[in-house]
Amino acid sequence: MTIEVVLTLVGLLIVIGGGFMANNRYLQGQISTKNDRIHTRIDEITRDYARKDDLMPHLKRIEDSTAKTNERLDKFYSEITKTLSDMLAGMKG
């Protein structure tokens, strides 16, 4: 092998190795950027949203309050119906 062939092979190896290293750095940068975005989104969700287990006591209290309100409205409507029917019976008779 002559010196030109050896230098050509060394140059070729340097170019291929440099291209490989540049490609690896580019891919690692892309992965790092996307990984940072994912972690930012996870942190945002953790900060801004509540877990279902944490909300259950509050939901139970709201459901109980709604049930009591519905009972009161049913009683109110039945009393109004009774009063109106008594008034109508008094007018007829």
PDB file of N, CA and C in Angstrom:
ATOM      1  N   MET A   1       0.838  -1.180   0.000  1.00  0.00           N
ATOM      2  CA  MET A   1       0.000   0.000   0.000  1.00  0.00           C
ATOM      3  C   MET A   1       0.881   1.240   0.000  1.00  0.00           C
ATOM      4  N   THR A   2       0.445   2.125  -0.808  1.00  0.00           N
ATOM      5  CA  THR A   2       1.199   3.367  -0.885  1.00  0.00           C
ATOM      6  C   THR A   2       0.655   4.350   0.134  1.00  0.00           C
ATOM      7  N   ILE A   3       1.365   5.403   0.334  1.00  0.00           N
ATOM      8  CA  ILE A   3       0.978   6.414   1.312  1.00  0.00           C
ATOM      9  C   ILE A   3      -0.326   7.094   0.914  1.00  0.00           C
ATOM     10  N   GLU A   4      -0.571   7.253  -0.399  1.00  0.00           N
ATOM     11  CA  GLU A   4      -1.816   7.881  -0.840  1.00  0.00           C
ATOM     12  C   GLU A   4      -3.021   7.021  -0.468  1.00  0.00           C
ATOM     13  N   VAL A   5      -2.896   5.719  -0.611  1.00  0.00           N
ATOM     14  CA  VAL A   5      -3.997   4.804  -0.279  1.00  0.00           C
ATOM     15  C   VAL A   5      -4.254   4.834   1.223  1.00  0.00           C
ATOM     16  N   VAL A   6      -3.196   4.825   2.007  1.00  0.00           N
ATOM     17  CA  VAL A   6      -3.337   4.865   3.466  1.00  0.00           C
ATOM     18  C   VAL A   6      -3.989   6.180   3.884  1.00  0.00           C
ATOM     19  N   LEU A   7      -3.529   7.292   3.334  1.00  0.00           N
ATOM     20  CA  LEU A   7      -4.120   8.593   3.680  1.00  0.00           C
ATOM     21  C   LEU A   7      -5.581   8.675   3.227  1.00  0.00           C
ATOM     22  N   THR A   8      -5.898   8.104   2.093  1.00  0.00           N
ATOM     23  CA  THR A   8      -7.284   8.092   1.608  1.00  0.00           C
ATOM     24  C   THR A   8      -8.166   7.283   2.555  1.00  0.00           C
ATOM     25  N   LEU A   9      -7.663   6.118   2.995  1.00  0.00           N
ATOM     26  CA  LEU A   9      -8.436   5.290   3.938  1.00  0.00           C
ATOM     27  C   LEU A   9      -8.610   5.994   5.277  1.00  0.00           C
ATOM     28  N   VAL A  10      -7.573   6.623   5.766  1.00  0.00           N
ATOM     29  CA  VAL A  10      -7.660   7.363   7.035  1.00  0.00           C
ATOM     30  C   VAL A  10      -8.637   8.518   6.887  1.00  0.00           C
ATOM     31  N   GLY A  11      -8.555   9.249   5.788  1.00  0.00           N
ATOM     32  CA  GLY A  11      -9.488  10.354   5.548  1.00  0.00           C
ATOM     33  C   GLY A  11     -10.921   9.871   5.452  1.00  0.00           C
ATOM     34  N   LEU A  12     -11.108   8.747   4.774  1.00  0.00           N
ATOM     35  CA  LEU A  12     -12.446   8.174   4.653  1.00  0.00           C
ATOM     36  C   LEU A  12     -12.999   7.753   6.014  1.00  0.00           C
ATOM     37  N   LEU A  13     -12.144   7.140   6.831  1.00  0.00           N
ATOM     38  CA  LEU A  13     -12.566   6.746   8.186  1.00  0.00           C
ATOM     39  C   LEU A  13     -12.909   7.965   9.037  1.00  0.00           C
ATOM     40  N   ILE A  14     -12.148   9.036   8.901  1.00  0.00           N
ATOM     41  CA  ILE A  14     -12.421  10.266   9.662  1.00  0.00           C
ATOM     42  C   ILE A  14     -13.748  10.876   9.230  1.00  0.00           C
ATOM     43  N   VAL A  15     -14.005  10.896   7.919  1.00  0.00           N
ATOM     44  CA  VAL A  15     -15.266  11.459   7.409  1.00  0.00           C
ATOM     45  C   VAL A  15     -16.445  10.623   7.880  1.00  0.00           C
ATOM     46  N   ILE A  16     -16.338   9.301   7.775  1.00  0.00           N
ATOM     47  CA  ILE A  16     -17.434   8.420   8.205  1.00  0.00           C
ATOM     48  C   ILE A  16     -17.650   8.538   9.709  1.00  0.00           C
ATOM     49  N   GLY A  17     -16.557   8.532  10.478  1.00  0.00           N
ATOM     50  CA  GLY A  17     -16.663   8.685  11.941  1.00  0.00           C
ATOM     51  C   GLY A  17     -17.250  10.026  12.327  1.00  0.00           C
ATOM     52  N   GLY A  18     -16.820  11.101  11.644  1.00  0.00           N
ATOM     53  CA  GLY A  18     -17.374  12.434  11.936  1.00  0.00           C
ATOM     54  C   GLY A  18     -18.845  12.516  11.600  1.00  0.00           C
ATOM     55  N   GLY A  19     -19.232  11.921  10.485  1.00  0.00           N
ATOM     56  CA  GLY A  19     -20.656  11.904  10.122  1.00  0.00           C
ATOM     57  C   GLY A  19     -21.480  11.126  11.131  1.00  0.00           C
ATOM     58  N   PHE A  20     -20.934  10.020  11.580  1.00  0.00           N
ATOM     59  CA  PHE A  20     -21.635   9.204  12.582  1.00  0.00           C
ATOM     60  C   PHE A  20     -21.798   9.986  13.885  1.00  0.00           C
ATOM     61  N   MET A  21     -20.720  10.658  14.313  1.00  0.00           N
ATOM     62  CA  MET A  21     -20.796  11.439  15.557  1.00  0.00           C
ATOM     63  C   MET A  21     -21.772  12.608  15.414  1.00  0.00           C
ATOM     64  N   ALA A  22     -21.754  13.279  14.269  1.00  0.00           N
ATOM     65  CA  ALA A  22     -22.679  14.403  14.053  1.00  0.00           C
ATOM     66  C   ALA A  22     -24.125  13.917  14.062  1.00  0.00           C
ATOM     67  N   ASN A  23     -24.376  12.770  13.437  1.00  0.00           N
ATOM     68  CA  ASN A  23     -25.722  12.209  13.426  1.00  0.00           C
ATOM     69  C   ASN A  23     -26.170  11.848  14.838  1.00  0.00           C
ATOM     70  N   ASN A  24     -25.277  11.255  15.624  1.00  0.00           N
ATOM     71  CA  ASN A  24     -25.618  10.902  17.004  1.00  0.00           C
ATOM     72  C   ASN A  24     -25.942  12.142  17.830  1.00  0.00           C
ATOM     73  N   ARG A  25     -25.134  13.201  17.675  1.00  0.00           N
ATOM     74  CA  ARG A  25     -25.404  14.440  18.424  1.00  0.00           C
ATOM     75  C   ARG A  25     -26.745  15.048  18.031  1.00  0.00           C
ATOM     76  N   TYR A  26     -27.053  15.033  16.751  1.00  0.00           N
ATOM     77  CA  TYR A  26     -28.325  15.570  16.276  1.00  0.00           C
ATOM     78  C   TYR A  26     -29.487  14.779  16.871  1.00  0.00           C
ATOM     79  N   LEU A  27     -29.420  13.451  16.824  1.00  0.00           N
ATOM     80  CA  LEU A  27     -30.493  12.610  17.360  1.00  0.00           C
ATOM     81  C   LEU A  27     -30.634  12.782  18.862  1.00  0.00           C
ATOM     82  N   GLN A  28     -29.520  12.869  19.575  1.00  0.00           N
ATOM     83  CA  GLN A  28     -29.586  13.078  21.017  1.00  0.00           C
ATOM     84  C   GLN A  28     -30.208  14.427  21.350  1.00  0.00           C
ATOM     85  N   GLY A  29     -29.912  15.442  20.555  1.00  0.00           N
ATOM     86  CA  GLY A  29     -30.525  16.760  20.763  1.00  0.00           C
ATOM     87  C   GLY A  29     -32.028  16.711  20.541  1.00  0.00           C
ATOM     88  N   GLN A  30     -32.461  16.020  19.504  1.00  0.00           N
ATOM     89  CA  GLN A  30     -33.892  15.889  19.228  1.00  0.00           C
ATOM     90  C   GLN A  30     -34.596  15.140  20.355  1.00  0.00           C
ATOM     91  N   ILE A  31     -33.993  14.051  20.797  1.00  0.00           N
ATOM     92  CA  ILE A  31     -34.579  13.259  21.881  1.00  0.00           C
ATOM     93  C   ILE A  31     -34.649  14.090  23.159  1.00  0.00           C
ATOM     94  N   SER A  32     -33.592  14.830  23.443  1.00  0.00           N
ATOM     95  CA  SER A  32     -33.563  15.658  24.650  1.00  0.00           C
ATOM     96  C   SER A  32     -34.637  16.743  24.603  1.00  0.00           C
ATOM     97  N   THR A  33     -34.809  17.382  23.451  1.00  0.00           N
ATOM     98  CA  THR A  33     -35.825  18.430  23.312  1.00  0.00           C
ATOM     99  C   THR A  33     -37.225  17.861  23.520  1.00  0.00           C
ATOM    100  N   LYS A  34     -37.517  16.735  22.889  1.00  0.00           N
ATOM    101  CA  LYS A  34     -38.838  16.124  23.034  1.00  0.00           C
ATOM    102  C   LYS A  34     -39.050  15.596  24.447  1.00  0.00           C
ATOM    103  N   ASN A  35     -37.991  15.080  25.049  1.00  0.00           N
ATOM    104  CA  ASN A  35     -38.078  14.595  26.423  1.00  0.00           C
ATOM    105  C   ASN A  35     -38.375  15.749  27.375  1.00  0.00           C
ATOM    106  N   ASP A  36     -37.740  16.896  27.157  1.00  0.00           N
ATOM    107  CA  ASP A  36     -38.016  18.072  27.988  1.00  0.00           C
ATOM    108  C   ASP A  36     -39.459  18.535  27.826  1.00  0.00           C
ATOM    109  N   ARG A  37     -39.983  18.507  26.599  1.00  0.00           N
ATOM    110  CA  ARG A  37     -41.382  18.890  26.371  1.00  0.00           C
ATOM    111  C   ARG A  37     -42.337  17.944  27.086  1.00  0.00           C
ATOM    112  N   ILE A  38     -42.036  16.653  27.040  1.00  0.00           N
ATOM    113  CA  ILE A  38     -42.889  15.667  27.708  1.00  0.00           C
ATOM    114  C   ILE A  38     -42.889  15.899  29.215  1.00  0.00           C
ATOM    115  N   HIS A  39     -41.712  16.129  29.781  1.00  0.00           N
ATOM    116  CA  HIS A  39     -41.641  16.345  31.231  1.00  0.00           C
ATOM    117  C   HIS A  39     -42.313  17.654  31.638  1.00  0.00           C
ATOM    118  N   THR A  40     -42.216  18.664  30.786  1.00  0.00           N
ATOM    119  CA  THR A  40     -42.919  19.919  31.065  1.00  0.00           C
ATOM    120  C   THR A  40     -44.428  19.688  31.082  1.00  0.00           C
ATOM    121  N   ARG A  41     -44.927  18.913  30.126  1.00  0.00           N
ATOM    122  CA  ARG A  41     -46.368  18.608  30.073  1.00  0.00           C
ATOM    123  C   ARG A  41     -46.802  17.787  31.284  1.00  0.00           C
ATOM    124  N   ILE A  42     -45.995  16.810  31.689  1.00  0.00           N
ATOM    125  CA  ILE A  42     -46.319  16.003  32.869  1.00  0.00           C
ATOM    126  C   ILE A  42     -46.367  16.884  34.107  1.00  0.00           C
ATOM    127  N   ASP A  43     -45.402  17.779  34.257  1.00  0.00           N
ATOM    128  CA  ASP A  43     -45.396  18.690  35.402  1.00  0.00           C
ATOM    129  C   ASP A  43     -46.615  19.597  35.388  1.00  0.00           C
ATOM    130  N   GLU A  44     -47.007  20.070  34.201  1.00  0.00           N
ATOM    131  CA  GLU A  44     -48.186  20.933  34.072  1.00  0.00           C
ATOM    132  C   GLU A  44     -49.454  20.189  34.482  1.00  0.00           C
ATOM    133  N   ILE A  45     -49.590  18.962  34.031  1.00  0.00           N
ATOM    134  CA  ILE A  45     -50.767  18.168  34.382  1.00  0.00           C
ATOM    135  C   ILE A  45     -50.789  17.884  35.882  1.00  0.00           C
ATOM    136  N   THR A  46     -49.643  17.539  36.438  1.00  0.00           N
ATOM    137  CA  THR A  46     -49.567  17.268  37.872  1.00  0.00           C
ATOM    138  C   THR A  46     -49.945  18.497  38.681  1.00  0.00           C
ATOM    139  N   ARG A  47     -49.526  19.677  38.216  1.00  0.00           N
ATOM    140  CA  ARG A  47     -49.793  20.915  38.940  1.00  0.00           C
ATOM    141  C   ARG A  47     -51.237  21.384  38.780  1.00  0.00           C
ATOM    142  N   ASP A  48     -51.811  21.232  37.578  1.00  0.00           N
ATOM    143  CA  ASP A  48     -53.095  21.860  37.277  1.00  0.00           C
ATOM    144  C   ASP A  48     -54.317  20.972  37.487  1.00  0.00           C
ATOM    145  N   TYR A  49     -54.155  19.689  37.550  1.00  0.00           N
ATOM    146  CA  TYR A  49     -55.309  18.803  37.635  1.00  0.00           C
ATOM    147  C   TYR A  49     -55.313  18.047  38.961  1.00  0.00           C
ATOM    148  N   ALA A  50     -56.512  17.764  39.453  1.00  0.00           N
ATOM    149  CA  ALA A  50     -56.659  17.044  40.714  1.00  0.00           C
ATOM    150  C   ALA A  50     -56.938  15.564  40.440  1.00  0.00           C
ATOM    151  N   ARG A  51     -56.520  14.740  41.359  1.00  0.00           N
ATOM    152  CA  ARG A  51     -56.785  13.311  41.231  1.00  0.00           C
ATOM    153  C   ARG A  51     -58.234  13.030  41.598  1.00  0.00           C
ATOM    154  N   LYS A  52     -58.784  11.978  41.045  1.00  0.00           N
ATOM    155  CA  LYS A  52     -60.174  11.605  41.304  1.00  0.00           C
ATOM    156  C   LYS A  52     -60.371  11.265  42.784  1.00  0.00           C
ATOM    157  N   ASP A  53     -59.403  10.582  43.374  1.00  0.00           N
ATOM    158  CA  ASP A  53     -59.515  10.217  44.789  1.00  0.00           C
ATOM    159  C   ASP A  53     -59.581  11.454  45.686  1.00  0.00           C
ATOM    160  N   ASP A  54     -58.894  12.515  45.289  1.00  0.00           N
ATOM    161  CA  ASP A  54     -58.928  13.741  46.080  1.00  0.00           C
ATOM    162  C   ASP A  54     -60.265  14.462  45.960  1.00  0.00           C
ATOM    163  N   LEU A  55     -60.958  14.275  44.839  1.00  0.00           N
ATOM    164  CA  LEU A  55     -62.224  14.969  44.614  1.00  0.00           C
ATOM    165  C   LEU A  55     -63.442  14.222  45.135  1.00  0.00           C
ATOM    166  N   MET A  56     -63.318  12.933  45.406  1.00  0.00           N
ATOM    167  CA  MET A  56     -64.486  12.122  45.778  1.00  0.00           C
ATOM    168  C   MET A  56     -65.229  12.649  47.003  1.00  0.00           C
ATOM    169  N   PRO A  57     -64.565  13.055  48.097  1.00  0.00           N
ATOM    170  CA  PRO A  57     -65.341  13.597  49.230  1.00  0.00           C
ATOM    171  C   PRO A  57     -66.151  14.839  48.850  1.00  0.00           C
ATOM    172  N   HIS A  58     -65.584  15.690  48.011  1.00  0.00           N
ATOM    173  CA  HIS A  58     -66.297  16.893  47.586  1.00  0.00           C
ATOM    174  C   HIS A  58     -67.493  16.527  46.701  1.00  0.00           C
ATOM    175  N   LEU A  59     -67.297  15.584  45.800  1.00  0.00           N
ATOM    176  CA  LEU A  59     -68.399  15.149  44.942  1.00  0.00           C
ATOM    177  C   LEU A  59     -69.505  14.500  45.756  1.00  0.00           C
ATOM    178  N   LYS A  60     -69.140  13.718  46.753  1.00  0.00           N
ATOM    179  CA  LYS A  60     -70.134  13.071  47.622  1.00  0.00           C
ATOM    180  C   LYS A  60     -70.963  14.128  48.343  1.00  0.00           C
ATOM    181  N   ARG A  61     -70.300  15.168  48.846  1.00  0.00           N
ATOM    182  CA  ARG A  61     -71.012  16.236  49.545  1.00  0.00           C
ATOM    183  C   ARG A  61     -71.964  16.966  48.599  1.00  0.00           C
ATOM    184  N   ILE A  62     -71.538  17.201  47.366  1.00  0.00           N
ATOM    185  CA  ILE A  62     -72.397  17.862  46.382  1.00  0.00           C
ATOM    186  C   ILE A  62     -73.586  16.974  46.036  1.00  0.00           C
ATOM    187  N   GLU A  63     -73.348  15.679  45.856  1.00  0.00           N
ATOM    188  CA  GLU A  63     -74.451  14.756  45.545  1.00  0.00           C
ATOM    189  C   GLU A  63     -75.455  14.701  46.693  1.00  0.00           C
ATOM    190  N   ASP A  64     -74.974  14.671  47.938  1.00  0.00           N
ATOM    191  CA  ASP A  64     -75.886  14.654  49.091  1.00  0.00           C
ATOM    192  C   ASP A  64     -76.714  15.934  49.149  1.00  0.00           C
ATOM    193  N   SER A  65     -76.069  17.064  48.895  1.00  0.00           N
ATOM    194  CA  SER A  65     -76.775  18.342  48.908  1.00  0.00           C
ATOM    195  C   SER A  65     -77.834  18.383  47.809  1.00  0.00           C
ATOM    196  N   THR A  66     -77.501  17.880  46.640  1.00  0.00           N
ATOM    197  CA  THR A  66     -78.462  17.834  45.533  1.00  0.00           C
ATOM    198  C   THR A  66     -79.641  16.936  45.865  1.00  0.00           C
ATOM    199  N   ALA A  67     -79.378  15.801  46.504  1.00  0.00           N
ATOM    200  CA  ALA A  67     -80.456  14.891  46.886  1.00  0.00           C
ATOM    201  C   ALA A  67     -81.394  15.562  47.894  1.00  0.00           C
ATOM    202  N   LYS A  68     -80.831  16.270  48.860  1.00  0.00           N
ATOM    203  CA  LYS A  68     -81.665  16.973  49.846  1.00  0.00           C
ATOM    204  C   LYS A  68     -82.496  18.068  49.176  1.00  0.00           C
ATOM    205  N   THR A  69     -81.891  18.774  48.239  1.00  0.00           N
ATOM    206  CA  THR A  69     -82.625  19.814  47.516  1.00  0.00           C
ATOM    207  C   THR A  69     -83.772  19.200  46.717  1.00  0.00           C
ATOM    208  N   ASN A  70     -83.511  18.069  46.082  1.00  0.00           N
ATOM    209  CA  ASN A  70     -84.570  17.392  45.334  1.00  0.00           C
ATOM    210  C   ASN A  70     -85.709  16.954  46.251  1.00  0.00           C
ATOM    211  N   GLU A  71     -85.390  16.458  47.446  1.00  0.00           N
ATOM    212  CA  GLU A  71     -86.437  16.071  48.403  1.00  0.00           C
ATOM    213  C   GLU A  71     -87.281  17.283  48.798  1.00  0.00           C
ATOM    214  N   ARG A  72     -86.617  18.406  49.058  1.00  0.00           N
ATOM    215  CA  ARG A  72     -87.350  19.620  49.432  1.00  0.00           C
ATOM    216  C   ARG A  72     -88.244  20.102  48.295  1.00  0.00           C
ATOM    217  N   LEU A  73     -87.732  20.049  47.069  1.00  0.00           N
ATOM    218  CA  LEU A  73     -88.540  20.466  45.926  1.00  0.00           C
ATOM    219  C   LEU A  73     -89.741  19.545  45.731  1.00  0.00           C
ATOM    220  N   ASP A  74     -89.551  18.239  45.903  1.00  0.00           N
ATOM    221  CA  ASP A  74     -90.670  17.302  45.790  1.00  0.00           C
ATOM    222  C   ASP A  74     -91.742  17.613  46.835  1.00  0.00           C
ATOM    223  N   LYS A  75     -91.304  17.879  48.072  1.00  0.00           N
ATOM    224  CA  LYS A  75     -92.254  18.218  49.137  1.00  0.00           C
ATOM    225  C   LYS A  75     -92.968  19.538  48.809  1.00  0.00           C
ATOM    226  N   PHE A  76     -92.238  20.527  48.323  1.00  0.00           N
ATOM    227  CA  PHE A  76     -92.812  21.816  47.971  1.00  0.00           C
ATOM    228  C   PHE A  76     -93.848  21.665  46.857  1.00  0.00           C
ATOM    229  N   TYR A  77     -93.501  20.903  45.806  1.00  0.00           N
ATOM    230  CA  TYR A  77     -94.430  20.706  44.697  1.00  0.00           C
ATOM    231  C   TYR A  77     -95.673  19.948  45.133  1.00  0.00           C
ATOM    232  N   SER A  78     -95.515  18.962  46.022  1.00  0.00           N
ATOM    233  CA  SER A  78     -96.699  18.233  46.481  1.00  0.00           C
ATOM    234  C   SER A  78     -97.601  19.137  47.320  1.00  0.00           C
ATOM    235  N   GLU A  79     -97.001  20.034  48.115  1.00  0.00           N
ATOM    236  CA  GLU A  79     -97.812  20.973  48.900  1.00  0.00           C
ATOM    237  C   GLU A  79     -98.536  21.963  47.987  1.00  0.00           C
ATOM    238  N   ILE A  80     -97.851  22.438  46.957  1.00  0.00           N
ATOM    239  CA  ILE A  80     -98.489  23.365  46.007  1.00  0.00           C
ATOM    240  C   ILE A  80     -99.634  22.658  45.289  1.00  0.00           C
ATOM    241  N   THR A  81     -99.408  21.422  44.873  1.00  0.00           N
ATOM    242  CA  THR A  81    -100.452  20.667  44.187  1.00  0.00           C
ATOM    243  C   THR A  81    -101.652  20.475  45.104  1.00  0.00           C
ATOM    244  N   LYS A  82    -101.397  20.125  46.370  1.00  0.00           N
ATOM    245  CA  LYS A  82    -102.487  19.930  47.328  1.00  0.00           C
ATOM    246  C   LYS A  82    -103.240  21.246  47.539  1.00  0.00           C
ATOM    247  N   THR A  83    -102.526  22.357  47.700  1.00  0.00           N
ATOM    248  CA  THR A  83    -103.165  23.656  47.917  1.00  0.00           C
ATOM    249  C   THR A  83    -103.999  24.063  46.703  1.00  0.00           C
ATOM    250  N   LEU A  84    -103.463  23.874  45.517  1.00  0.00           N
ATOM    251  CA  LEU A  84    -104.208  24.231  44.316  1.00  0.00           C
ATOM    252  C   LEU A  84    -105.449  23.358  44.139  1.00  0.00           C
ATOM    253  N   SER A  85    -105.316  22.067  44.434  1.00  0.00           N
ATOM    254  CA  SER A  85    -106.500  21.206  44.309  1.00  0.00           C
ATOM    255  C   SER A  85    -107.552  21.563  45.374  1.00  0.00           C
ATOM    256  N   ASP A  86    -107.128  21.956  46.595  1.00  0.00           N
ATOM    257  CA  ASP A  86    -108.083  22.399  47.622  1.00  0.00           C
ATOM    258  C   ASP A  86    -108.779  23.689  47.198  1.00  0.00           C
ATOM    259  N   MET A  87    -107.994  24.601  46.590  1.00  0.00           N
ATOM    260  CA  MET A  87    -108.591  25.851  46.121  1.00  0.00           C
ATOM    261  C   MET A  87    -109.587  25.585  44.997  1.00  0.00           C
ATOM    262  N   LEU A  88    -109.244  24.683  44.097  1.00  0.00           N
ATOM    263  CA  LEU A  88    -110.140  24.352  42.987  1.00  0.00           C
ATOM    264  C   LEU A  88    -111.412  23.679  43.512  1.00  0.00           C
ATOM    265  N   ALA A  89    -111.266  22.815  44.513  1.00  0.00           N
ATOM    266  CA  ALA A  89    -112.434  22.147  45.092  1.00  0.00           C
ATOM    267  C   ALA A  89    -113.331  23.170  45.799  1.00  0.00           C
ATOM    268  N   GLY A  90    -112.726  24.167  46.444  1.00  0.00           N
ATOM    269  CA  GLY A  90    -113.487  25.212  47.123  1.00  0.00           C
ATOM    270  C   GLY A  90    -114.215  26.101  46.138  1.00  0.00           C
ATOM    271  N   MET A  91    -113.648  26.313  44.965  1.00  0.00           N
ATOM    272  CA  MET A  91    -114.274  27.156  43.957  1.00  0.00           C
ATOM    273  C   MET A  91    -115.480  26.433  43.329  1.00  0.00           C
ATOM    274  N   LYS A  92    -115.390  25.115  43.231  1.00  0.00           N
ATOM    275  CA  LYS A  92    -116.486  24.337  42.616  1.00  0.00           C
ATOM    276  C   LYS A  92    -117.656  24.210  43.567  1.00  0.00           C
ATOM    277  N   GLY A  93    -117.347  24.228  44.776  1.00  0.00           N
ATOM    278  CA  GLY A  93    -118.323  23.916  45.604  1.00  0.00           C
ATOM    279  C   GLY A  93    -119.121  24.094  46.646  1.00  0.00           C
TER     280      GLY A  93
END
